[in-house]
Protein backbone atom coordinates (compact mmCIF):
# COMPACT_ATOMS: atom_id res chain seq x y z
CA MET A 1 124.66 167.26 155.34
CA ASN A 2 125.25 165.70 158.50
CA ARG A 3 123.36 162.66 157.81
CA LEU A 4 122.66 160.42 160.14
CA ARG A 5 125.08 158.41 161.98
CA THR A 6 123.79 155.99 164.69
CA ARG A 7 120.88 155.31 166.54
CA ALA A 8 121.13 157.21 169.53
CA GLY A 9 118.52 158.41 172.41
CA LEU A 10 115.20 158.35 172.78
CA LEU A 11 113.55 159.62 170.06
CA VAL A 12 109.75 161.30 171.16
CA LEU A 13 106.14 161.30 169.19
CA ALA A 14 105.22 164.72 171.31
CA LEU A 15 101.32 164.89 170.95
CA LEU A 16 101.22 167.15 173.79
CA THR A 17 103.82 166.42 175.84
CA THR A 18 104.88 165.97 178.88
CA ILE A 19 109.06 164.60 179.75
CA PRO A 20 110.81 161.27 179.36
CA THR A 21 113.33 160.36 182.28
CA PRO A 22 117.29 161.46 181.93
CA ALA A 23 119.38 158.69 180.43
CA GLY A 24 121.04 156.80 183.19
CA ALA A 25 118.11 157.80 185.29
CA ASN A 26 116.74 155.08 187.43
CA GLN A 27 113.60 156.66 188.63
CA PRO A 28 110.53 157.46 185.42
CA ALA A 29 109.09 160.75 185.15
CA PRO A 30 106.05 161.15 187.26
CA SER A 31 103.26 160.10 186.55
CA ASP A 32 104.94 157.97 182.61
CA ARG A 33 103.75 154.02 182.12
CA THR A 34 106.29 151.77 180.03
CA ILE A 35 104.21 149.46 177.32
CA THR A 36 106.27 146.60 175.47
CA LEU A 37 104.69 145.94 172.05
CA VAL A 38 104.58 142.29 170.90
CA THR A 39 107.77 142.32 168.80
CA GLY A 40 109.43 143.75 171.62
CA ASP A 41 109.63 147.18 171.35
CA THR A 42 108.91 149.75 174.23
CA VAL A 43 107.14 152.61 174.33
CA ARG A 44 106.64 154.77 177.25
CA ILE A 45 103.59 157.07 177.40
CA SER A 46 102.64 159.79 179.66
CA ALA A 47 99.62 160.12 181.77
CA ASP A 48 98.19 162.27 179.33
CA HIS A 49 98.33 160.79 176.86
CA LYS A 50 100.01 163.33 174.83
CA THR A 51 103.31 162.04 174.50
CA VAL A 52 104.52 158.62 173.25
CA VAL A 53 108.25 157.42 173.50
CA PRO A 54 109.17 154.48 171.06
CA GLU A 55 112.88 152.15 171.38
CA PRO A 56 113.12 149.70 169.10
CA GLY A 57 114.38 146.45 171.23
CA PRO A 58 117.42 145.06 171.53
CA GLY A 59 119.65 144.29 168.27
CA ARG A 60 116.07 146.25 166.30
CA ASP A 61 116.56 149.33 163.96
CA VAL A 62 113.47 149.75 162.88
CA ALA A 63 111.18 153.23 162.46
CA PHE A 64 107.60 153.60 163.99
CA SER A 65 104.78 154.51 162.52
CA VAL A 66 102.33 156.37 164.49
CA HIS A 67 98.86 158.06 164.10
CA ARG A 68 96.38 160.02 166.68
CA SER A 69 93.19 159.81 166.63
CA GLY A 70 91.70 161.89 169.27
CA ASP A 71 93.00 160.68 172.41
CA GLN A 72 93.47 156.99 170.68
CA VAL A 73 97.28 156.24 169.69
CA SER A 74 98.79 153.23 168.13
CA VAL A 75 102.40 153.09 167.51
CA ILE A 76 103.36 150.36 164.74
CA PRO A 77 106.82 149.64 163.88
CA THR A 78 107.21 149.79 160.24
CA ASP A 79 108.00 145.69 160.05
CA ALA A 80 105.10 145.33 161.45
CA LEU A 81 102.60 146.91 158.85
CA ALA A 82 101.82 144.24 156.66
CA LYS A 83 100.99 141.69 159.50
CA VAL A 84 98.43 144.39 161.06
CA GLY A 85 97.05 144.58 157.25
CA THR A 86 97.15 141.19 157.00
CA GLY A 87 95.38 140.30 160.26
CA LYS A 88 98.33 138.86 161.63
CA LEU A 89 98.36 141.11 164.15
CA ASP A 90 95.58 142.42 166.74
CA PRO A 91 95.72 146.42 165.12
CA ARG A 92 94.81 146.60 169.22
CA LEU A 93 98.74 145.27 170.29
CA PHE A 94 99.83 148.58 169.05
CA ASP A 95 97.42 150.90 170.97
CA VAL A 96 99.30 152.46 173.74
CA THR A 97 96.33 154.65 174.83
CA PRO A 98 93.34 153.37 176.57
CA SER A 99 90.66 154.40 174.27
CA SER A 100 87.22 153.67 173.54
CA HIS A 101 87.33 155.52 169.95
CA GLN A 102 88.71 152.44 167.85
CA ALA A 103 89.13 151.58 164.17
CA ARG A 104 85.44 152.03 162.47
CA ALA A 105 84.91 147.97 161.08
CA LEU A 106 83.90 148.44 156.72
CA PRO A 107 80.82 147.13 155.57
CA ALA A 108 80.70 143.55 154.99
CA ALA A 109 77.67 143.54 152.34
CA ARG A 110 77.37 146.41 149.37
CA THR A 111 74.42 148.50 149.78
CA ASN A 112 73.57 151.84 148.11
CA GLU A 113 75.04 153.71 150.83
CA ASN A 114 78.92 152.29 150.04
CA VAL A 115 81.41 151.91 147.08
CA GLU A 116 83.32 149.68 146.14
CA LEU A 117 87.26 151.31 146.71
CA THR A 118 90.75 149.21 145.55
CA ILE A 119 93.94 150.32 146.25
CA ARG A 120 96.73 149.04 144.22
CA HIS A 121 100.19 149.27 145.89
CA LEU A 122 103.79 149.76 143.98
CA ASP A 123 107.01 149.95 145.69
CA ARG A 124 110.25 152.08 145.18
CA SER A 125 111.24 149.56 141.95
CA GLY A 126 107.69 149.93 140.56
CA ALA A 127 106.76 146.10 141.89
CA ALA A 128 103.44 145.40 143.05
CA THR A 129 104.21 145.13 147.12
CA GLY A 130 102.30 143.73 150.06
CA ASP A 131 104.24 145.03 152.66
CA TYR A 132 102.56 148.15 153.28
CA LEU A 133 99.29 149.73 155.72
CA ASP A 134 96.58 151.56 154.48
CA TYR A 135 94.13 154.24 156.79
CA LEU A 136 90.76 155.40 155.54
CA VAL A 137 90.67 158.74 157.83
CA ASP A 138 86.85 160.40 157.64
CA ARG A 139 87.17 164.07 156.67
CA ASP A 140 83.52 164.42 157.66
CA SER A 141 83.38 163.10 161.26
CA ASP A 142 85.94 161.13 163.24
CA ALA A 143 85.54 158.22 162.05
CA PHE A 144 88.86 156.05 160.72
CA TYR A 145 89.11 152.62 159.14
CA ILE A 146 92.48 150.28 158.96
CA LEU A 147 92.23 148.55 155.55
CA PRO A 148 93.12 144.99 155.09
CA THR A 149 96.57 144.41 153.69
CA GLU A 150 97.06 142.13 150.66
CA ALA A 151 99.93 139.82 149.60
CA ASP A 152 99.86 140.89 146.16
CA GLY A 153 99.32 144.60 146.59
CA ALA A 154 95.53 145.06 145.89
CA THR A 155 93.30 146.08 148.36
CA LYS A 156 89.62 145.95 147.89
CA VAL A 157 87.08 146.83 150.61
CA LEU A 158 84.02 148.68 150.74
CA ALA A 159 83.76 151.41 152.12
CA PRO A 160 80.72 154.15 153.05
CA LYS A 161 80.21 156.86 150.73
CA GLY A 162 82.01 160.41 151.49
CA ARG A 163 84.71 162.33 152.19
CA TYR A 164 88.07 160.92 153.06
CA LEU A 165 92.25 161.28 153.70
CA LEU A 166 94.34 157.81 152.56
CA ASP A 167 96.72 156.92 154.34
CA SER A 168 99.59 154.63 152.95
CA THR A 169 102.96 153.37 154.46
CA ILE A 170 104.70 151.33 151.99
CA ALA A 171 108.08 149.92 153.86
CA GLY A 172 110.71 148.98 151.75
CA GLY A 173 110.76 145.30 152.76
CA SER A 174 114.08 143.02 152.49
CA ALA A 175 115.02 144.98 149.63
CA ASN A 176 115.48 147.77 151.60
CA LEU A 177 114.31 150.54 149.79
CA GLY A 178 113.36 152.77 152.03
CA THR A 179 110.04 153.37 153.55
CA SER A 180 107.68 155.59 152.04
CA GLN A 181 104.52 157.77 153.66
CA LEU A 182 101.73 158.75 150.65
CA VAL A 183 98.70 160.52 151.54
CA GLN A 184 95.94 161.35 149.82
CA PRO A 185 94.18 164.34 150.98
CA ALA A 186 90.82 164.59 148.95
CA LEU A 187 89.22 160.98 148.12
CA ASN A 188 85.33 161.08 147.63
CA LEU A 189 83.63 157.66 146.96
CA THR A 190 80.64 158.70 145.49
CA VAL A 191 81.28 155.94 143.12
CA ASP A 192 83.58 152.98 142.32
CA ARG A 193 87.32 154.26 142.77
CA THR A 194 90.56 152.70 141.83
CA VAL A 195 93.60 154.79 143.04
CA THR A 196 97.07 153.38 142.59
CA LEU A 197 100.14 154.48 145.12
CA ASP A 198 103.63 154.30 143.24
CA ALA A 199 106.17 154.24 146.24
CA ARG A 200 108.73 155.82 143.67
CA GLN A 201 106.25 159.62 143.80
CA ALA A 202 108.14 160.14 146.92
CA GLN A 203 110.35 162.05 147.07
CA PRO A 204 113.26 161.97 150.38
CA VAL A 205 113.54 163.73 153.24
CA GLU A 206 116.82 165.54 153.78
CA ILE A 207 117.63 168.55 155.90
CA GLY A 208 120.99 169.86 156.63
CA LEU A 209 122.46 172.26 158.12
CA SER A 210 125.19 174.52 157.32
CA ASP A 211 127.27 173.81 160.74
CA PRO A 212 129.49 171.20 160.10
CA ASP A 213 130.49 170.04 164.11
CA ALA A 214 126.34 169.34 164.34
CA ASP A 215 125.39 166.01 163.84
CA GLN A 216 122.04 165.03 162.82
CA VAL A 217 119.43 163.22 165.37
CA MET A 218 116.37 162.40 163.43
CA ALA A 219 114.26 163.69 160.30
CA ASN A 220 111.00 163.48 160.20
CA VAL A 221 107.49 164.69 158.52
CA PHE A 222 103.82 164.72 159.81
CA TYR A 223 100.88 166.28 159.11
CA GLY A 224 97.59 166.59 160.95
CA LEU A 225 94.02 166.86 159.50
CA THR A 226 91.42 168.90 161.38
CA GLN A 227 88.33 166.63 161.80
CA ARG A 228 84.53 167.44 163.24
CA THR A 229 85.86 166.83 167.35
CA GLN A 230 88.88 164.58 167.46
CA GLY A 231 91.75 165.22 165.03
CA TRP A 232 94.12 162.62 163.04
CA VAL A 233 97.83 163.38 163.40
CA SER A 234 100.13 161.16 161.45
CA GLY A 235 103.55 160.99 160.26
CA ILE A 236 106.94 159.19 159.64
CA GLY A 237 110.78 159.85 160.65
CA GLU A 238 114.00 158.92 160.07
CA SER A 239 116.62 157.99 162.96
CA PRO A 240 119.60 157.38 163.24
CA GLY A 241 120.64 153.52 161.89
CA THR A 242 117.21 152.96 160.11
CA GLU A 243 116.43 153.16 156.55
CA PRO A 244 115.89 156.38 154.81
CA VAL A 245 111.75 157.75 154.20
CA PHE A 246 110.03 159.40 151.55
CA THR A 247 106.80 161.38 151.56
CA ALA A 248 104.24 162.40 148.81
CA GLN A 249 100.80 163.74 148.83
CA VAL A 250 98.64 162.15 145.52
CA GLY A 251 96.06 164.20 144.47
CA PRO A 252 95.08 167.74 145.29
CA SER A 253 94.75 169.40 148.65
CA VAL A 254 92.35 170.20 151.23
CA PRO A 255 92.52 173.08 153.52
CA ALA A 256 91.95 171.55 156.74
CA LEU A 257 95.27 169.77 156.41
CA ALA A 258 98.60 171.10 157.85
CA SER A 259 102.35 169.57 157.59
CA GLU A 260 105.19 169.97 159.10
CA ALA A 261 109.50 168.91 158.07
CA SER A 262 112.01 169.22 161.34
CA ALA A 263 114.71 167.54 161.92
CA GLN A 264 117.03 168.24 165.15
CA PHE A 265 120.97 168.29 165.40
CA ALA A 266 123.89 167.92 168.15
CA ARG A 267 126.91 167.27 169.67
CA GLN A 268 126.58 163.62 169.41
CA ASN A 269 128.56 161.28 172.02
CA ALA A 270 131.62 158.48 171.01
CA ASP A 271 128.53 156.03 172.72
CA GLY A 272 125.82 157.77 169.84
CA THR A 273 124.10 159.18 172.79
CA PHE A 274 123.34 163.10 172.87
CA ASP A 275 123.77 163.87 176.53
CA GLY A 276 125.19 166.46 177.62
CA THR A 277 125.45 168.40 173.76
CA PRO A 278 126.69 171.64 174.74
CA TYR A 279 123.35 172.83 171.87
CA VAL A 280 120.44 171.30 170.13
CA TYR A 281 119.51 172.99 166.69
CA ALA A 282 115.55 172.27 166.62
CA LEU A 283 114.27 172.42 163.58
CA SER A 284 110.77 172.88 161.56
CA GLU A 285 109.64 174.21 158.64
CA SER A 286 105.27 174.62 158.21
CA GLN A 287 102.86 174.75 155.32
CA SER A 288 99.03 174.79 155.35
CA GLY A 289 96.27 172.71 153.15
CA LYS A 290 98.52 170.48 151.87
CA TYR A 291 101.18 166.98 152.30
CA TYR A 292 105.20 167.76 151.93
CA THR A 293 106.19 165.85 149.03
CA GLY A 294 109.63 165.32 150.38
CA PHE A 295 111.60 167.81 151.90
CA ARG A 296 115.37 169.20 151.06
CA LYS A 297 116.66 172.34 152.58
CA ILE A 298 119.88 172.97 154.75
CA PHE A 299 119.14 175.56 157.49
CA HIS A 300 121.53 178.42 158.48
CA ARG A 301 122.25 179.70 162.23
CA THR A 302 121.60 183.32 161.08
CA GLU A 303 118.06 182.23 160.66
CA LEU A 304 117.64 181.40 163.63
CA ALA A 305 116.74 182.40 167.65
CA LYS A 306 119.15 181.53 169.88
CA LEU A 307 117.75 180.07 173.52
CA THR A 308 119.89 179.61 176.49
CA PRO A 309 117.70 178.32 179.06
CA THR A 310 119.18 177.37 182.16
CA PHE A 311 118.13 174.39 184.31
CA VAL A 312 119.03 174.95 188.05
CA GLY A 313 119.92 172.09 190.85
CA PRO A 314 122.65 170.81 192.87
CA ALA A 315 125.78 169.50 191.67
CA SER A 316 124.02 165.69 191.72
CA GLY A 317 120.98 166.84 189.91
CA VAL A 318 120.18 166.19 186.31
CA ALA A 319 117.42 166.95 183.85
CA ALA A 320 115.94 166.34 180.47
CA VAL A 321 115.37 168.78 177.97
CA LEU A 322 112.70 168.21 174.73
CA PRO A 323 112.20 171.29 172.98
CA VAL A 324 109.14 170.67 171.09
CA SER A 325 107.60 172.26 167.78
CA ASP A 326 103.56 173.20 168.32
CA VAL A 327 102.74 173.92 164.85
CA PRO A 328 98.53 174.85 164.57
CA GLY A 329 97.08 171.83 162.82
CA VAL A 330 99.58 169.33 163.39
CA GLY A 331 100.95 169.71 167.03
CA GLY A 332 103.96 168.60 168.40
CA GLY A 333 106.29 166.91 166.48
CA ARG A 334 108.67 164.43 167.20
CA THR A 335 111.83 164.93 169.76
CA MET A 336 114.11 164.04 171.74
CA GLY A 337 114.98 164.06 175.52
CA TYR A 338 118.60 165.61 175.39
CA GLY A 339 119.69 164.68 179.38
CA PHE A 340 122.47 166.36 181.73
CA SER A 341 124.19 165.47 184.83
CA GLY A 342 125.32 168.19 186.99
CA LEU A 343 123.25 171.04 187.15
CA PRO A 344 123.45 173.73 186.81
CA ALA A 345 122.95 172.72 182.67
CA ALA A 346 122.70 175.91 180.13
CA PRO A 347 123.24 174.31 176.63
CA VAL A 348 121.98 176.66 173.92
CA PHE A 349 119.07 176.23 171.67
CA TYR A 350 118.89 177.30 168.59
CA LEU A 351 115.58 177.64 167.22
CA THR A 352 113.50 178.17 163.81
CA GLY A 353 112.17 182.08 164.15
CA GLY A 354 108.36 182.12 163.30
CA THR A 355 107.67 178.63 165.05
CA PRO A 356 106.11 177.90 168.24
CA TRP A 357 108.38 176.54 170.46
CA LEU A 358 107.26 174.41 173.90
CA PHE A 359 109.80 173.23 176.23
CA ASP A 360 109.37 170.11 178.46
CA ALA A 361 112.09 170.20 181.30
CA SER A 362 112.15 166.61 183.65
CA ILE A 363 114.72 168.18 186.92
CA ALA A 364 115.38 166.58 190.48
CA ASP A 365 118.08 166.58 192.28
CA SER A 366 119.90 163.61 191.49
CA PRO A 367 118.98 160.24 189.08
CA ASP A 368 117.87 158.99 192.21
CA SER A 369 114.66 161.88 192.86
CA GLU A 370 111.40 162.37 192.24
CA PHE A 371 111.44 164.19 189.48
CA VAL A 372 109.83 167.82 188.60
CA SER A 373 108.50 167.82 185.33
CA LEU A 374 107.98 171.25 183.73
CA ARG A 375 106.84 172.42 181.00
CA ASP A 376 105.99 176.18 179.47
CA ARG A 377 102.98 177.61 177.39
CA GLY A 378 105.05 178.26 173.89
CA GLN A 379 106.82 180.97 172.72
CA VAL A 380 107.42 182.39 169.48
CA TYR A 381 111.10 182.84 169.24
CA LYS A 382 112.47 186.30 166.31
CA ALA A 383 115.44 185.01 164.08
CA GLY A 384 118.50 186.84 164.87
CA GLU A 385 117.51 187.08 168.30
CA THR A 386 118.92 185.93 171.64
CA TYR A 387 116.90 184.86 174.80
CA THR A 388 117.60 183.68 178.33
CA GLN A 389 115.07 181.50 180.88
CA HIS A 390 115.87 179.85 183.72
CA TRP A 391 114.03 176.70 184.79
CA GLY A 392 113.28 174.49 188.25
CA ARG A 393 114.05 177.77 190.07
CA ALA A 394 112.06 177.58 193.90
CA VAL A 395 109.29 177.27 194.88
CA LEU A 396 107.49 175.24 193.75
CA ALA A 397 103.40 175.38 194.34
CA SER A 398 100.14 175.72 193.42
CA GLY A 399 99.78 177.81 190.33
CA GLU A 400 98.34 179.19 187.09
CA LEU A 401 94.61 177.87 188.63
CA ALA A 402 91.88 177.56 185.98
CA VAL A 403 88.92 176.33 187.93
CA THR A 404 85.55 177.36 186.20
CA ARG A 405 81.74 175.91 186.71
CA THR A 406 79.62 175.07 183.93
CA GLY A 407 76.15 174.58 185.45
CA ASP A 408 76.75 172.43 187.76
CA ASN A 409 79.68 170.81 186.66
CA LEU A 410 83.21 172.10 187.75
CA GLN A 411 86.59 171.69 185.53
CA LEU A 412 89.29 171.22 187.68
CA TYR A 413 92.51 172.50 186.51
CA LEU A 414 94.86 172.57 189.67
CA PRO A 415 99.06 172.66 188.53
CA TYR A 416 101.64 173.69 190.09
CA THR A 417 104.64 176.40 189.09
CA ASP A 418 108.39 177.36 189.52
CA ALA A 419 109.18 181.06 190.01
CA ASP A 420 109.59 181.54 186.52
CA GLY A 421 106.42 180.24 185.49
CA HIS A 422 106.48 177.08 183.87
CA TYR A 423 103.90 174.44 185.35
CA ALA A 424 103.51 171.27 186.25
CA PHE A 425 101.52 168.60 187.92
CA SER A 426 102.42 166.09 191.15
CA GLU A 427 100.61 163.02 191.64
CA GLY A 428 98.46 162.99 194.70
CA THR A 429 94.68 163.38 195.87
CA LEU A 430 92.27 165.81 195.35
CA THR A 431 89.26 165.92 198.07
CA VAL A 432 86.17 167.51 196.99
CA ILE A 433 83.98 168.37 199.98
CA ARG A 434 80.52 170.71 200.06
CA ASP A 435 78.84 172.10 202.81
CA ASN A 436 81.45 169.39 205.03
CA ARG A 437 80.34 166.84 203.40
CA LYS A 438 82.98 164.83 201.47
CA LEU A 439 81.61 164.25 197.72
CA ASP A 440 84.54 162.44 196.39
CA VAL A 441 88.49 161.68 196.73
CA LEU A 442 90.07 161.78 193.11
CA SER A 443 93.29 160.87 191.83
CA TYR A 444 95.49 163.72 190.78
CA PRO A 445 95.84 164.53 188.44
CA PHE A 446 93.32 163.44 185.97
CA LYS A 447 93.44 163.80 182.26
CA GLY A 448 92.78 166.94 180.47
CA MET A 449 89.82 169.03 181.85
CA GLU A 450 86.64 166.55 182.80
CA ALA A 451 83.36 168.17 184.32
CA TYR A 452 82.66 166.60 187.88
CA PRO A 453 79.21 166.95 188.56
CA VAL A 454 78.32 168.98 191.87
CA PRO A 455 74.78 169.17 193.02
CA ALA A 456 72.68 172.11 191.96
CA GLY A 457 72.37 175.38 193.99
CA PRO A 458 74.60 177.49 196.57
CA GLY A 459 76.75 175.67 198.18
CA LYS A 460 80.17 176.24 200.18
CA PHE A 461 82.72 174.29 198.21
CA ARG A 462 86.51 172.82 199.73
CA LEU A 463 89.24 171.19 197.58
CA GLU A 464 91.74 169.56 199.28
CA LEU A 465 95.01 168.57 197.36
CA VAL A 466 97.48 166.46 198.45
CA THR A 467 101.17 165.66 196.73
CA SER A 468 104.26 164.28 197.83
CA ARG A 469 105.50 168.21 197.36
CA PHE A 470 102.96 170.36 198.89
CA THR A 471 99.51 170.65 200.22
CA SER A 472 97.30 173.54 198.99
CA THR A 473 93.30 173.93 200.24
CA TRP A 474 91.07 175.75 198.83
CA THR A 475 87.75 177.38 200.20
CA PHE A 476 84.98 179.44 198.46
CA ASP A 477 81.12 179.44 197.57
CA SER A 478 79.76 178.71 194.49
CA THR A 479 76.15 178.13 192.79
CA THR A 480 74.88 176.61 189.41
CA THR A 481 75.61 179.05 186.75
CA ALA A 482 74.72 179.83 183.55
CA GLY A 483 77.73 179.67 181.14
CA THR A 484 80.93 179.30 182.21
CA THR A 485 82.22 180.95 185.13
CA PRO A 486 85.80 181.37 186.96
CA LEU A 487 85.81 180.29 190.79
CA PRO A 488 87.43 182.41 193.32
CA LEU A 489 90.74 180.58 193.91
CA SER A 490 93.80 182.27 195.02
CA THR A 491 97.69 181.46 194.84
CA ILE A 492 100.48 182.59 196.52
CA ARG A 493 103.96 182.76 194.63
CA PHE A 494 106.76 182.56 196.69
CA LEU A 495 110.08 184.29 194.72
CA PRO A 496 113.49 183.79 196.66
CA THR A 497 116.76 185.07 195.94
CA VAL A 498 118.56 181.70 194.67
CA ASP A 499 121.12 180.88 193.08
CA ASP A 500 121.99 178.48 190.01
CA HIS A 501 122.11 175.59 192.23
CA ASN A 502 118.43 176.81 193.75
CA VAL A 503 120.39 177.83 197.37
CA VAL A 504 119.59 181.39 199.14
CA HIS A 505 122.38 182.26 200.75
CA THR A 506 121.77 184.04 203.86
CA GLY A 507 122.21 185.61 207.15
CA ALA A 508 120.66 185.90 210.44
CA THR A 509 117.49 186.24 208.23
CA HIS A 510 116.36 186.90 204.47
CA GLU A 511 113.54 188.69 202.66
CA LEU A 512 111.22 186.34 200.95
CA PRO A 513 109.68 187.56 198.18
CA LEU A 514 105.85 186.74 197.18
CA VAL A 515 102.76 187.28 194.80
CA VAL A 516 98.98 187.24 195.61
CA SER A 517 96.54 186.65 192.50
CA THR A 518 93.95 188.29 194.43
CA ALA A 519 93.94 191.28 196.86
CA GLY A 520 93.88 190.09 200.34
CA THR A 521 97.00 190.27 203.10
CA PRO A 522 98.62 186.93 203.09
CA ARG A 523 99.69 185.47 206.50
CA VAL A 524 102.89 183.45 205.87
CA GLN A 525 104.71 180.87 208.85
CA THR A 526 108.45 179.57 208.15
CA SER A 527 110.00 176.02 209.88
CA THR A 528 113.75 175.32 209.52
CA ASP A 529 113.26 171.46 210.82
CA ASN A 530 111.00 169.91 208.05
CA GLY A 531 107.44 171.86 209.60
CA THR A 532 108.55 169.97 213.07
CA THR A 533 107.89 174.08 214.03
CA TRP A 534 106.85 176.94 213.03
CA ARG A 535 107.34 180.93 213.44
CA SER A 536 105.27 183.52 212.45
CA ALA A 537 107.10 186.13 209.27
CA PRO A 538 106.87 189.78 209.35
CA ILE A 539 105.08 190.88 206.09
CA ARG A 540 105.53 194.24 204.33
CA ALA A 541 103.36 195.29 201.67
CA THR A 542 105.99 196.71 198.34
CA SER A 543 103.27 197.22 195.70
CA ASN A 544 99.98 196.40 194.80
CA ASN A 545 99.24 192.09 195.38
CA ARG A 546 103.03 191.88 196.16
CA TYR A 547 104.62 191.70 199.64
CA VAL A 548 107.75 190.83 201.08
CA ALA A 549 108.11 188.37 204.51
CA THR A 550 111.10 188.45 206.59
CA VAL A 551 112.47 184.55 207.14
CA ALA A 552 114.22 183.96 209.93
CA VAL A 553 117.34 181.50 209.85
CA PRO A 554 118.88 179.60 212.74
CA ALA A 555 122.22 178.54 212.32
CA GLY A 556 122.51 174.57 211.08
CA ALA A 557 119.65 175.15 209.04
CA THR A 558 119.96 174.03 205.60
CA THR A 559 115.87 174.20 204.51
CA VAL A 560 112.92 176.32 204.70
CA SER A 561 109.34 175.12 205.02
CA LEU A 562 106.78 177.78 204.36
CA LYS A 563 102.94 177.84 205.94
CA SER A 564 100.74 180.23 204.41
CA GLN A 565 97.65 181.98 204.32
CA LEU A 566 95.63 184.12 201.72
CA ILE A 567 91.35 185.63 202.64
CA ASP A 568 89.62 187.43 199.61
CA ALA A 569 87.51 190.50 200.88
CA ALA A 570 83.96 187.87 200.03
CA GLY A 571 85.69 185.19 202.63
CA ASN A 572 87.68 183.21 199.93
CA GLN A 573 90.40 181.57 201.50
CA PHE A 574 93.72 179.46 200.15
CA GLU A 575 95.93 177.89 202.44
CA THR A 576 99.08 176.05 201.22
CA VAL A 577 102.02 174.20 203.01
CA VAL A 578 105.37 173.53 201.25
CA THR A 579 107.48 171.00 203.23
CA ASP A 580 111.85 171.97 202.19
CA ALA A 581 110.33 174.50 200.08
CA TYR A 582 113.98 176.04 199.53
CA ARG A 583 117.52 175.49 200.44
CA VAL A 584 119.32 178.33 202.93
CA THR A 585 123.47 178.22 203.69
CA ARG A 586 124.69 180.89 205.48
């Protein structure tokens, strides 16, 4: 069944999602940061806190127990679980995101509002064990509790009356019995209760593939619980070199639960990595209302979709690609960053049909260059069908905006896109101006779509976004709204005819197609000396909101920079400057 061979690569818990750096690259993907845990293991966390990349420290072959509640994410190596539960290690040492949402404190004294809960733990040999960690998750609120671990395997606590989910990870200990995750979705506490969690109930996670040449990268099971506002996600997985994992649901199901079993296969190199693999099998199966008690299945290529994405760039270019299943109620599962050197690269991805799949791609012109971290919005692929895509094609510029006003709060979502609509964010600043008065200079990107308060009443606003790749400015009128109202921000999408090295082959001139997001005649200037001098480009309309500019290219030019403007019928204005927007050769 193409079982795991050696530990390889970076395993990612994609809690939706950004991108790790390709193996061997010297610069991290923009906005990522790396945290070293007290155990010596490292975790790279994305700026939006939705992707964590745990990697064992030197000489350590451990699995990781990962839990998320809202924006609070913890990553605990399985050999540290009991130390957290006994208080030898503070659980906050394993929090990899700053968050005010923390585990609640259990009641210290008995009252009419709480009950006594006793949990007995047995390992896979049937013996009482003190090598475990329990979470008690409130199904009716966003609260969760980390329960104490006892050496004799019997945890006894006071808990508020309520409806809970009990999540227990029982490690294999020195006997190397394997790690078991037991989930009791419906633990209703109205009176004192005693629960026995027996790791022998858990069944193995064994996912196979009929392709004998593919090597297994990982196999894992995750679940998600829909709570009042936050949601709870937890899971366990086996990686190359780690002991096997087992899972079980204890007791009845609840409708708010969803779970996923997934695995990936690829071609493994002699050094244990999967870089440059010509194919990746990304497999996923999910169910609603319950957790998996083990999972055994052999997948066949005939039940999969075939996707060939081409990642464009120069021969010196590198890319890292993550296929992420996006199961409703669970979110992104565990995945891996597959590295490719020497672009273009066109690996084949065989994907489970019917599962929503997201892709993230981190692309750079060289390992030392700034990375472009692109993602798509997800797609369900049909088994037996063939698909193609292109990633990273010029021009990278502002697009796919979502800017609204609710009352006197602005929601500011200002990504940029490649020519094919994959979106990304670039580090920079966003200046907010109202009636010629600067309100704020914000670091960008900032998390999510937080509301930015502005003065009440009408005003003329100006947003100035400055990044290392481009600058964009929007000028528009806005006033207090009764509900959520989209704001009139425009964009221009440039679509040069590039090859797979992202180069336009040109003569003295070439045509540059462009699409505007709103009615209005664009103006375009071009530069072939990195923006030192500019010349106007003649433009003609071809259809609704579509135009073609004629770009002059003198001998010896290697790049084209773009400066453009668009004014709509209401006078709202968009301006952008993209330096070295695309490469040219004559």
